[in-house]
Amino acid sequence: MTRIILRKNEERRLLAGHLWVFSNEIEKIADAEADVCIASVFDWRGNFLGKGLYNRHSLIAYRQLTSKDEDIDGRFIFKRLSTANSLRRKLRPDRSVYRLCNGEADLLPGLIIDKYDDKYSLQSFSAGMDLLAGEICDVLTGQFKATLVVEKNMNSMRTLEGAELREGILHPSSESDRGRFTAEIDGIKFSIDLLKGQKTGFYLDQSDNRKYLRSLIREGDSVLDLFCNDGGFSLNAAAEGAGKIVSVDSSEACISKVKENFALNGFVLPETHCADCFDYIDSLFQAPERFDVIVLDPPSFTKSRKSIPPAIKAYTELNYKCMRLLKPGGLLLTFSCSHHISELAFEEMISRAGAKAGRTPQLFRKSTCSFDHPVLPQMPETSYLKGYFMKVI
């Protein structure tokens, strides 16, 4: 088996529970079987540290799967996924739709699996994890009784790994349904299209925050849902009796999905706008209308530390304008989905936005991802979503 020998003292992060080794931390590769393969890793003294996935072409050259000397096969995958599934079932036994595997946080680095009843969507960010694709699919169809398995491997991170970009149905061999179905999350029905949807096909990380929104809605509240995607927040507001709901997204496909989901649940259709949210917010200042609740859930504005300053500038602009568009005492739910933006930086941004708007944000809840997106404290990279629920005075 391929053996990775680390440079002196470069084992400390692995021993602390981090799962990555970067290429510049490796002293040498011995008995290399292939450019991408399963490998054992050792410290500079020759002490065994674990087994994982090696990729000669990646900056993240090694991803640790286990600290034990054990076989990496279908049985190993089944144990890992069963452990991950047990946690979800223990936390929310009422849910049948959730993220089954959250990559590094479930000790399967680079692997994402979302579960929709008996249908599964998987995404791999690691060329090494592709070596186990057959075993993963076999476990899902065998032990987990999957009737549909779709791979969503079009992410740009795969390019950095030298991995092929591909998307399609892995199981069954017939593609008659093309990955389209209806799923229910916390009593709300969603039309799911795994092949056409973004990322793994649907955003599950906000499920808990969407449901919590219901506790804040009072009958007749006016709600503005910016970057609404498939309408998750809008639908939960409607379920609780909100009055006027305005859903805005720059994607025509997302706006169509919002309307489809509202019709699916028998809700009165919201006011929808296919528009750039920055431009739409500016247009609202030309009218006297103000809102009781605004949800601000933009995509990541930064993929690296270099772009943090312009990202903070964009967050500030959005948040201060949203504060001005709220009625006195209105509620702002604002989110960042980039792990490069720290809590401290985001909170400082909120303070500046409040001062710029001439309003006082009163924080009453902080949140992160839903229960099915665990985090490894040893790996800050596994924590990304930050949510702030505020009353704006």
Protein backbone atom coordinates (compact mmCIF):
# COMPACT_ATOMS: atom_id res chain seq x y z
CA MET A 1 0.00 0.00 0.00
CA THR A 2 1.04 3.56 -0.67
CA ARG A 3 2.78 5.03 2.36
CA ILE A 4 2.89 8.75 3.18
CA ILE A 5 5.67 9.95 5.48
CA LEU A 6 5.08 13.39 6.98
CA ARG A 7 7.67 16.00 7.70
CA LYS A 8 8.78 16.51 11.28
CA ASN A 9 5.97 17.83 13.54
CA GLU A 10 3.43 17.90 10.70
CA GLU A 11 1.45 15.14 12.39
CA ARG A 12 0.18 17.46 15.13
CA ARG A 13 -2.97 18.53 13.30
CA LEU A 14 -3.93 14.93 12.49
CA LEU A 15 -3.37 13.90 16.10
CA ALA A 16 -5.65 16.77 17.19
CA GLY A 17 -8.48 15.41 15.04
CA HIS A 18 -8.12 17.36 11.81
CA LEU A 19 -8.51 15.13 8.74
CA TRP A 20 -6.39 16.86 6.09
CA VAL A 21 -2.74 16.76 5.16
CA PHE A 22 -1.50 19.36 2.68
CA SER A 23 1.04 18.54 -0.02
CA ASN A 24 3.76 20.74 1.53
CA GLU A 25 3.52 18.75 4.79
CA ILE A 26 4.64 15.50 3.17
CA GLU A 27 8.28 14.42 3.32
CA LYS A 28 7.99 11.55 0.84
CA ILE A 29 5.67 9.01 -0.76
CA ALA A 30 6.75 5.37 -0.68
CA ASP A 31 5.45 2.42 -2.71
CA ALA A 32 3.02 4.65 -4.58
CA GLU A 33 0.33 2.54 -6.26
CA ALA A 34 -1.32 5.35 -8.22
CA ASP A 35 -1.71 9.13 -8.30
CA VAL A 36 -5.07 8.68 -6.53
CA CYS A 37 -5.32 5.79 -4.09
CA ILE A 38 -5.92 4.59 -0.54
CA ALA A 39 -2.80 5.18 1.52
CA SER A 40 -1.37 4.77 5.01
CA VAL A 41 0.17 7.78 6.71
CA PHE A 42 3.13 7.84 9.14
CA ASP A 43 4.93 10.50 11.13
CA TRP A 44 8.62 11.24 10.49
CA ARG A 45 9.61 8.63 13.06
CA GLY A 46 7.64 5.92 11.26
CA ASN A 47 4.68 5.76 13.66
CA PHE A 48 1.40 4.75 12.01
CA LEU A 49 -1.22 7.54 12.05
CA GLY A 50 -4.04 6.18 9.92
CA LYS A 51 -5.47 5.36 6.52
CA GLY A 52 -7.14 7.62 4.02
CA LEU A 53 -7.36 8.95 0.50
CA TYR A 54 -4.26 10.22 -1.30
CA ASN A 55 -4.32 12.50 -4.35
CA ARG A 56 -1.00 13.56 -5.83
CA HIS A 57 -2.69 16.32 -7.84
CA SER A 58 -4.44 18.09 -4.96
CA LEU A 59 -3.28 20.71 -2.47
CA ILE A 60 -5.19 18.64 0.09
CA ALA A 61 -3.03 15.63 -0.66
CA TYR A 62 -4.41 13.30 2.01
CA ARG A 63 -7.82 12.96 3.71
CA GLN A 64 -7.95 10.76 6.77
CA LEU A 65 -10.64 8.07 6.94
CA THR A 66 -9.53 6.21 10.04
CA SER A 67 -6.77 6.20 12.64
CA LYS A 68 -6.92 2.38 12.68
CA ASP A 69 -5.24 -0.14 10.41
CA GLU A 70 -8.47 -1.47 8.89
CA ASP A 71 -9.77 -2.28 5.43
CA ILE A 72 -11.45 0.54 3.54
CA ASP A 73 -14.26 -1.31 1.79
CA GLY A 74 -18.04 -1.64 1.61
CA ARG A 75 -18.24 -2.83 5.19
CA PHE A 76 -16.31 0.23 6.34
CA ILE A 77 -18.63 2.54 4.39
CA PHE A 78 -21.69 0.82 5.86
CA LYS A 79 -20.42 1.29 9.42
CA ARG A 80 -19.70 4.97 8.84
CA LEU A 81 -23.09 5.66 7.22
CA SER A 82 -24.95 3.64 9.84
CA THR A 83 -23.32 5.67 12.60
CA ALA A 84 -24.21 8.90 10.82
CA ASN A 85 -27.79 7.75 10.28
CA SER A 86 -28.17 6.73 13.93
CA LEU A 87 -27.33 10.26 15.04
CA ARG A 88 -29.97 11.77 12.76
CA ARG A 89 -32.60 9.25 13.81
CA LYS A 90 -31.85 9.90 17.47
CA LEU A 91 -32.07 13.69 17.10
CA ARG A 92 -35.13 13.81 14.85
CA PRO A 93 -36.95 10.47 14.63
CA ASP A 94 -39.86 12.25 12.94
CA ARG A 95 -37.80 13.27 9.91
CA SER A 96 -37.30 11.11 6.82
CA VAL A 97 -35.60 13.86 4.79
CA TYR A 98 -32.14 14.92 5.98
CA ARG A 99 -28.44 15.02 5.20
CA LEU A 100 -27.23 11.51 5.87
CA CYS A 101 -23.52 12.25 5.51
CA ASN A 102 -21.88 15.63 6.01
CA GLY A 103 -18.38 14.90 4.78
CA GLU A 104 -15.55 15.43 7.24
CA ALA A 105 -17.96 15.92 10.15
CA ASP A 106 -19.16 12.33 9.64
CA LEU A 107 -15.59 11.07 9.12
CA LEU A 108 -16.10 10.49 5.40
CA PRO A 109 -14.13 13.48 4.05
CA GLY A 110 -15.34 14.89 0.78
CA LEU A 111 -18.61 12.92 0.71
CA ILE A 112 -22.07 14.50 0.95
CA ILE A 113 -25.25 12.38 0.89
CA ASP A 114 -28.75 13.81 1.19
CA LYS A 115 -31.67 11.48 1.96
CA TYR A 116 -35.23 12.06 0.73
CA ASP A 117 -37.19 9.12 2.13
CA ASP A 118 -35.82 6.26 -0.03
CA LYS A 119 -34.11 8.53 -2.57
CA TYR A 120 -30.53 9.75 -2.26
CA SER A 121 -28.36 12.46 -3.77
CA LEU A 122 -24.59 12.21 -3.38
CA GLN A 123 -21.75 14.61 -4.05
CA SER A 124 -18.03 14.01 -3.84
CA PHE A 125 -15.44 16.76 -3.48
CA SER A 126 -12.55 14.28 -3.45
CA ALA A 127 -11.05 12.31 -6.31
CA GLY A 128 -10.08 9.72 -3.71
CA MET A 129 -13.69 9.29 -2.62
CA ASP A 130 -14.55 8.46 -6.24
CA LEU A 131 -12.61 5.22 -5.73
CA LEU A 132 -15.32 4.17 -3.28
CA ALA A 133 -18.29 5.27 -5.41
CA GLY A 134 -19.28 1.68 -6.21
CA GLU A 135 -19.24 0.61 -2.56
CA ILE A 136 -21.20 3.72 -1.52
CA CYS A 137 -23.90 3.06 -4.11
CA ASP A 138 -24.06 -0.62 -3.14
CA VAL A 139 -24.54 0.28 0.54
CA LEU A 140 -27.31 2.76 -0.30
CA THR A 141 -29.17 0.34 -2.55
CA GLY A 142 -28.52 -2.68 -0.36
CA GLN A 143 -28.61 -1.86 3.35
CA PHE A 144 -30.41 1.50 3.00
CA LYS A 145 -32.93 0.23 0.39
CA ALA A 146 -32.50 3.21 -1.95
CA THR A 147 -34.87 3.27 -4.92
CA LEU A 148 -33.03 6.20 -6.49
CA VAL A 149 -29.38 7.31 -6.27
CA VAL A 150 -28.29 10.46 -8.11
CA GLU A 151 -24.76 11.84 -8.29
CA LYS A 152 -24.32 15.62 -8.40
CA ASN A 153 -20.64 15.97 -9.20
CA MET A 154 -20.45 19.25 -11.12
CA ASN A 155 -18.78 21.26 -8.33
CA SER A 156 -15.74 23.36 -9.23
CA MET A 157 -13.86 21.89 -6.25
CA ARG A 158 -13.60 18.65 -8.23
CA THR A 159 -11.61 20.51 -10.86
CA LEU A 160 -9.03 21.36 -8.20
CA GLU A 161 -8.88 17.63 -7.42
CA GLY A 162 -8.39 16.70 -11.06
CA ALA A 163 -11.68 14.79 -10.87
CA GLU A 164 -14.18 14.45 -13.70
CA LEU A 165 -17.29 16.62 -13.63
CA ARG A 166 -20.38 14.45 -14.04
CA GLU A 167 -24.01 14.24 -13.11
CA GLY A 168 -26.64 11.55 -13.53
CA ILE A 169 -28.67 8.71 -12.10
CA LEU A 170 -26.58 5.85 -10.68
CA HIS A 171 -29.55 3.70 -9.66
CA PRO A 172 -31.81 2.39 -11.07
CA SER A 173 -30.46 1.93 -14.57
CA SER A 174 -33.76 3.25 -15.98
CA GLU A 175 -33.89 7.07 -15.91
CA SER A 176 -37.63 7.40 -16.49
CA ASP A 177 -38.32 9.74 -13.57
CA ARG A 178 -35.13 11.81 -14.08
CA GLY A 179 -34.81 12.46 -10.37
CA ARG A 180 -38.10 14.34 -9.88
CA PHE A 181 -40.38 13.70 -6.91
CA THR A 182 -42.18 15.33 -3.98
CA ALA A 183 -40.80 15.30 -0.44
CA GLU A 184 -42.25 16.58 2.82
CA ILE A 185 -40.17 18.47 5.39
CA ASP A 186 -41.79 19.46 8.69
CA GLY A 187 -45.26 19.24 7.20
CA ILE A 188 -44.50 21.26 4.05
CA LYS A 189 -44.35 19.64 0.61
CA PHE A 190 -41.52 20.46 -1.78
CA SER A 191 -41.13 19.59 -5.43
CA ILE A 192 -37.61 18.16 -5.73
CA ASP A 193 -35.62 17.88 -8.93
CA LEU A 194 -32.27 16.41 -8.01
CA LEU A 195 -30.72 16.79 -11.45
CA LYS A 196 -31.76 20.39 -12.06
CA GLY A 197 -31.51 21.63 -8.47
CA GLN A 198 -28.44 23.44 -7.13
CA LYS A 199 -25.65 21.75 -5.14
CA THR A 200 -27.05 18.33 -4.12
CA GLY A 201 -30.45 19.26 -5.55
CA PHE A 202 -31.98 21.04 -2.54
CA TYR A 203 -30.77 23.07 0.45
CA LEU A 204 -31.39 21.12 3.65
CA ASP A 205 -29.04 23.13 5.87
CA GLN A 206 -31.70 25.78 6.59
CA SER A 207 -34.51 23.36 7.51
CA ASP A 208 -34.40 24.07 11.25
CA ASN A 209 -34.17 27.83 10.74
CA ARG A 210 -37.09 27.77 8.32
CA LYS A 211 -39.21 25.93 10.87
CA TYR A 212 -38.17 28.30 13.66
CA LEU A 213 -39.42 31.19 11.55
CA ARG A 214 -42.97 29.88 12.13
CA SER A 215 -42.71 30.73 15.83
CA LEU A 216 -41.99 34.37 14.91
CA ILE A 217 -44.79 34.90 12.41
CA ARG A 218 -48.03 36.53 13.50
CA GLU A 219 -51.14 36.27 11.37
CA GLY A 220 -51.12 38.93 8.69
CA ASP A 221 -47.40 39.75 8.95
CA SER A 222 -45.80 41.10 5.78
CA VAL A 223 -42.69 39.11 4.85
CA LEU A 224 -39.86 39.83 2.41
CA ASP A 225 -37.82 36.74 1.46
CA LEU A 226 -34.61 37.75 -0.35
CA PHE A 227 -32.53 35.19 -2.25
CA CYS A 228 -35.53 32.93 -1.72
CA ASN A 229 -34.30 29.96 -3.80
CA ASP A 230 -37.13 27.36 -3.77
CA GLY A 231 -39.15 29.39 -1.25
CA GLY A 232 -38.38 27.50 1.96
CA PHE A 233 -38.71 30.51 4.27
CA SER A 234 -41.67 31.89 2.32
CA LEU A 235 -43.52 28.58 2.61
CA ASN A 236 -42.97 28.36 6.36
CA ALA A 237 -44.22 31.94 6.75
CA ALA A 238 -47.32 31.08 4.73
CA ALA A 239 -47.93 27.96 6.83
CA GLU A 240 -48.17 30.19 9.91
CA GLY A 241 -50.64 32.65 8.38
CA ALA A 242 -48.43 35.46 7.11
CA GLY A 243 -50.21 38.07 5.03
CA LYS A 244 -48.33 39.57 2.10
CA ILE A 245 -45.26 37.52 1.16
CA VAL A 246 -42.72 38.82 -1.36
CA SER A 247 -40.23 36.25 -2.69
CA VAL A 248 -37.24 37.49 -4.70
CA ASP A 249 -34.50 35.60 -6.53
CA SER A 250 -32.41 36.24 -9.64
CA SER A 251 -33.12 32.74 -10.96
CA GLU A 252 -36.23 32.25 -13.07
CA ALA A 253 -36.05 28.52 -12.31
CA CYS A 254 -36.18 29.27 -8.56
CA ILE A 255 -39.15 31.62 -8.95
CA SER A 256 -40.99 28.94 -10.94
CA LYS A 257 -40.21 26.45 -8.18
CA VAL A 258 -41.57 28.85 -5.53
CA LYS A 259 -44.88 29.05 -7.36
CA GLU A 260 -44.97 25.28 -7.83
CA ASN A 261 -44.29 24.65 -4.13
CA PHE A 262 -46.95 27.12 -3.00
CA ALA A 263 -49.50 25.48 -5.30
CA LEU A 264 -48.43 22.04 -4.07
CA ASN A 265 -49.30 23.06 -0.50
CA GLY A 266 -52.52 24.87 -1.39
CA PHE A 267 -51.16 28.24 -0.22
CA VAL A 268 -52.05 31.58 -1.78
CA LEU A 269 -49.25 32.41 -4.21
CA PRO A 270 -46.78 35.03 -2.98
CA GLU A 271 -45.73 38.12 -4.88
CA THR A 272 -42.66 36.98 -6.80
CA HIS A 273 -39.89 38.91 -8.53
CA CYS A 274 -37.13 37.48 -10.68
CA ALA A 275 -34.57 40.19 -10.05
CA ASP A 276 -31.15 40.98 -8.66
CA CYS A 277 -31.79 41.36 -4.93
CA PHE A 278 -29.48 44.36 -4.60
CA ASP A 279 -31.42 46.18 -7.31
CA TYR A 280 -34.79 45.08 -5.94
CA ILE A 281 -33.99 46.40 -2.45
CA ASP A 282 -33.10 49.77 -3.94
CA SER A 283 -36.42 49.88 -5.79
CA LEU A 284 -38.34 49.41 -2.53
CA PHE A 285 -37.19 52.80 -1.24
CA GLN A 286 -39.32 54.41 -3.93
CA ALA A 287 -42.47 53.09 -2.19
CA PRO A 288 -43.77 53.64 1.37
CA GLU A 289 -44.27 49.95 2.13
CA ARG A 290 -42.29 48.47 5.03
CA PHE A 291 -42.17 44.88 6.29
CA ASP A 292 -42.75 43.05 9.56
CA VAL A 293 -40.18 40.35 8.76
CA ILE A 294 -37.27 40.21 6.31
CA VAL A 295 -35.26 37.07 5.58
CA LEU A 296 -31.83 37.71 4.07
CA ASP A 297 -30.16 34.46 3.00
CA PRO A 298 -27.67 35.26 0.20
CA PRO A 299 -25.24 32.83 -1.42
CA SER A 300 -21.64 32.87 -0.30
CA PHE A 301 -19.96 36.15 -1.21
CA THR A 302 -16.45 34.81 -0.67
CA LYS A 303 -14.69 31.59 -1.61
CA SER A 304 -11.33 32.65 -0.16
CA ARG A 305 -9.80 34.93 2.45
CA LYS A 306 -8.67 37.34 -0.26
CA SER A 307 -12.25 38.32 -1.05
CA ILE A 308 -13.39 38.89 2.56
CA PRO A 309 -13.31 42.75 2.38
CA PRO A 310 -15.66 43.04 -0.65
CA ALA A 311 -17.87 40.34 0.87
CA ILE A 312 -18.22 42.30 4.13
CA LYS A 313 -19.03 45.39 2.08
CA ALA A 314 -21.82 43.51 0.27
CA TYR A 315 -23.21 42.11 3.54
CA THR A 316 -23.18 45.61 5.07
CA GLU A 317 -25.06 47.12 2.14
CA LEU A 318 -27.74 44.43 2.21
CA ASN A 319 -28.22 44.47 5.98
CA TYR A 320 -28.40 48.20 6.51
CA LYS A 321 -30.91 48.59 3.70
CA CYS A 322 -33.02 45.73 5.06
CA MET A 323 -33.02 47.36 8.50
CA ARG A 324 -34.37 50.54 6.93
CA LEU A 325 -37.09 48.58 5.14
CA LEU A 326 -38.42 47.08 8.39
CA LYS A 327 -41.24 48.54 10.41
CA PRO A 328 -40.13 49.71 13.88
CA GLY A 329 -39.74 46.56 15.95
CA GLY A 330 -39.64 44.40 12.82
CA LEU A 331 -37.59 41.22 12.59
CA LEU A 332 -34.50 40.60 10.46
CA LEU A 333 -33.17 37.09 9.89
CA THR A 334 -29.75 37.43 8.30
CA PHE A 335 -27.34 34.68 7.28
CA SER A 336 -23.84 34.06 5.96
CA CYS A 337 -22.90 30.70 4.44
CA SER A 338 -19.14 31.23 4.12
CA HIS A 339 -16.76 29.75 6.69
CA HIS A 340 -14.27 32.49 5.72
CA ILE A 341 -16.55 35.05 7.41
CA SER A 342 -16.08 34.65 11.16
CA GLU A 343 -18.82 35.24 13.72
CA LEU A 344 -16.88 38.23 15.04
CA ALA A 345 -16.57 39.78 11.57
CA PHE A 346 -20.27 39.20 10.86
CA GLU A 347 -21.36 40.67 14.18
CA GLU A 348 -19.18 43.73 13.65
CA MET A 349 -20.79 44.09 10.21
CA ILE A 350 -24.26 43.98 11.81
CA SER A 351 -23.26 46.73 14.23
CA ARG A 352 -21.99 48.93 11.40
CA ALA A 353 -25.10 48.23 9.34
CA GLY A 354 -27.31 49.24 12.25
CA ALA A 355 -25.41 52.50 12.74
CA LYS A 356 -25.57 53.26 9.02
CA ALA A 357 -29.32 52.59 8.99
CA GLY A 358 -29.89 54.63 12.14
CA ARG A 359 -31.51 51.57 13.73
CA THR A 360 -30.67 49.39 16.73
CA PRO A 361 -30.48 45.64 16.04
CA GLN A 362 -31.42 43.59 19.11
CA LEU A 363 -30.10 40.03 18.78
CA PHE A 364 -32.26 37.34 20.37
CA ARG A 365 -31.06 34.17 18.64
CA LYS A 366 -27.95 32.84 16.94
CA SER A 367 -28.10 29.72 14.83
CA THR A 368 -26.11 27.43 12.58
CA CYS A 369 -27.00 24.59 10.24
CA SER A 370 -29.81 22.13 10.83
CA PHE A 371 -29.35 19.10 13.07
CA ASP A 372 -28.23 16.94 10.12
CA HIS A 373 -25.16 19.10 9.41
CA PRO A 374 -22.85 18.35 12.35
CA VAL A 375 -19.53 20.15 12.76
CA LEU A 376 -16.09 18.93 13.83
CA PRO A 377 -14.70 21.50 16.29
CA GLN A 378 -11.22 20.31 15.30
CA MET A 379 -11.95 21.41 11.73
CA PRO A 380 -13.14 25.03 11.44
CA GLU A 381 -13.69 24.33 7.74
CA THR A 382 -16.76 22.23 8.61
CA SER A 383 -18.55 25.22 10.16
CA TYR A 384 -19.95 27.70 7.67
CA LEU A 385 -23.56 28.84 8.24
CA LYS A 386 -24.17 31.69 10.67
CA GLY A 387 -27.67 32.95 11.37
CA TYR A 388 -28.72 36.01 13.40
CA PHE A 389 -32.32 36.63 14.42
CA MET A 390 -32.86 40.27 15.42
CA LYS A 391 -35.51 42.73 16.39
CA VAL A 392 -34.71 46.06 14.74
CA ILE A 393 -35.69 49.03 16.90
